[in-house]
Amino acid sequence: METAGDMPESYMIFYVQVEDLKASLDSAVALGGQAIMQPTPIPGVGSFAIFSDPVGNNMGIFKG
């Protein structure tokens, strides 16, 4: 996958499967995180989003 503009060239992100992608991303932001990538479809698979927590760790969420 291509990296987002401000992500390092080499990195690792773990993903957590959620029931509601947008609500989960909104909750992460409300708790002090920052949305890095808005919900993005993966044709035939599902959708994902990426956020950073308050100390800068990037995490992904996925809905299949």
C-alpha atoms as a PDB file:
ATOM      1  CA  MET A   1       0.000   0.000   0.000  1.00  0.00           C
ATOM      2  CA  GLU A   2       1.085   3.555  -0.503  1.00  0.00           C
ATOM      3  CA  THR A   3       1.831   5.603   2.593  1.00  0.00           C
ATOM      4  CA  ALA A   4      -0.081   8.741   3.482  1.00  0.00           C
ATOM      5  CA  GLY A   5       1.936  11.912   2.879  1.00  0.00           C
ATOM      6  CA  ASP A   6       3.098  12.381   6.473  1.00  0.00           C
ATOM      7  CA  MET A   7       3.749   8.714   7.348  1.00  0.00           C
ATOM      8  CA  PRO A   8       7.273   7.312   7.397  1.00  0.00           C
ATOM      9  CA  GLU A   9       8.364   5.136   4.484  1.00  0.00           C
ATOM     10  CA  SER A  10       8.567   2.037   6.691  1.00  0.00           C
ATOM     11  CA  TYR A  11       6.040   1.459   9.469  1.00  0.00           C
ATOM     12  CA  MET A  12       3.634  -1.074  10.923  1.00  0.00           C
ATOM     13  CA  ILE A  13      -0.025  -0.574  11.798  1.00  0.00           C
ATOM     14  CA  PHE A  14      -2.248  -3.087  13.518  1.00  0.00           C
ATOM     15  CA  TYR A  15      -5.952  -3.143  12.681  1.00  0.00           C
ATOM     16  CA  VAL A  16      -8.957  -3.827  14.885  1.00  0.00           C
ATOM     17  CA  GLN A  17     -12.244  -4.985  13.380  1.00  0.00           C
ATOM     18  CA  VAL A  18     -15.183  -2.761  14.397  1.00  0.00           C
ATOM     19  CA  GLU A  19     -18.940  -2.816  13.860  1.00  0.00           C
ATOM     20  CA  ASP A  20     -19.266   0.865  12.831  1.00  0.00           C
ATOM     21  CA  LEU A  21     -16.216   2.382  11.151  1.00  0.00           C
ATOM     22  CA  LYS A  22     -17.296   6.040  11.198  1.00  0.00           C
ATOM     23  CA  ALA A  23     -18.544   5.925  14.805  1.00  0.00           C
ATOM     24  CA  SER A  24     -15.308   4.262  15.939  1.00  0.00           C
ATOM     25  CA  LEU A  25     -13.168   6.863  14.169  1.00  0.00           C
ATOM     26  CA  ASP A  26     -15.298   9.683  15.610  1.00  0.00           C
ATOM     27  CA  SER A  27     -14.897   8.181  19.088  1.00  0.00           C
ATOM     28  CA  ALA A  28     -11.110   7.980  18.725  1.00  0.00           C
ATOM     29  CA  VAL A  29     -10.988  11.648  17.697  1.00  0.00           C
ATOM     30  CA  ALA A  30     -13.318  12.678  20.555  1.00  0.00           C
ATOM     31  CA  LEU A  31     -10.956  10.933  22.990  1.00  0.00           C
ATOM     32  CA  GLY A  32      -7.959  12.969  21.802  1.00  0.00           C
ATOM     33  CA  GLY A  33      -6.828  11.100  18.690  1.00  0.00           C
ATOM     34  CA  GLN A  34      -6.422  12.483  15.187  1.00  0.00           C
ATOM     35  CA  ALA A  35      -7.935  11.057  12.007  1.00  0.00           C
ATOM     36  CA  ILE A  36      -5.112  10.223   9.592  1.00  0.00           C
ATOM     37  CA  MET A  37      -7.188   8.520   6.882  1.00  0.00           C
ATOM     38  CA  GLN A  38     -10.966   8.780   6.622  1.00  0.00           C
ATOM     39  CA  PRO A  39     -12.985   5.605   5.941  1.00  0.00           C
ATOM     40  CA  THR A  40     -11.714   4.190   2.658  1.00  0.00           C
ATOM     41  CA  PRO A  41     -13.332   1.308   0.754  1.00  0.00           C
ATOM     42  CA  ILE A  42     -11.411  -1.782  -0.306  1.00  0.00           C
ATOM     43  CA  PRO A  43     -13.531  -3.146  -3.169  1.00  0.00           C
ATOM     44  CA  GLY A  44     -14.850  -6.614  -2.433  1.00  0.00           C
ATOM     45  CA  VAL A  45     -13.300  -6.669   1.061  1.00  0.00           C
ATOM     46  CA  GLY A  46     -14.595  -3.884   3.331  1.00  0.00           C
ATOM     47  CA  SER A  47     -13.395  -0.469   4.489  1.00  0.00           C
ATOM     48  CA  PHE A  48     -10.675   0.864   6.755  1.00  0.00           C
ATOM     49  CA  ALA A  49      -9.538   4.060   8.449  1.00  0.00           C
ATOM     50  CA  ILE A  50      -6.392   5.111  10.306  1.00  0.00           C
ATOM     51  CA  PHE A  51      -6.037   7.351  13.334  1.00  0.00           C
ATOM     52  CA  SER A  52      -3.278   8.359  15.728  1.00  0.00           C
ATOM     53  CA  ASP A  53      -3.697   8.228  19.480  1.00  0.00           C
ATOM     54  CA  PRO A  54      -2.863  11.238  21.704  1.00  0.00           C
ATOM     55  CA  VAL A  55       0.843  10.275  21.856  1.00  0.00           C
ATOM     56  CA  GLY A  56       1.185   9.711  18.100  1.00  0.00           C
ATOM     57  CA  ASN A  57       0.823   5.941  17.662  1.00  0.00           C
ATOM     58  CA  ASN A  58      -0.999   5.095  14.415  1.00  0.00           C
ATOM     59  CA  MET A  59      -3.738   2.458  14.523  1.00  0.00           C
ATOM     60  CA  GLY A  60      -6.161   1.113  11.950  1.00  0.00           C
ATOM     61  CA  ILE A  61      -9.775   0.091  12.158  1.00  0.00           C
ATOM     62  CA  PHE A  62     -11.506  -2.234   9.700  1.00  0.00           C
ATOM     63  CA  LYS A  63     -15.063  -3.203   8.844  1.00  0.00           C
ATOM     64  CA  GLY A  64     -15.496  -6.224   6.596  1.00  0.00           C
END
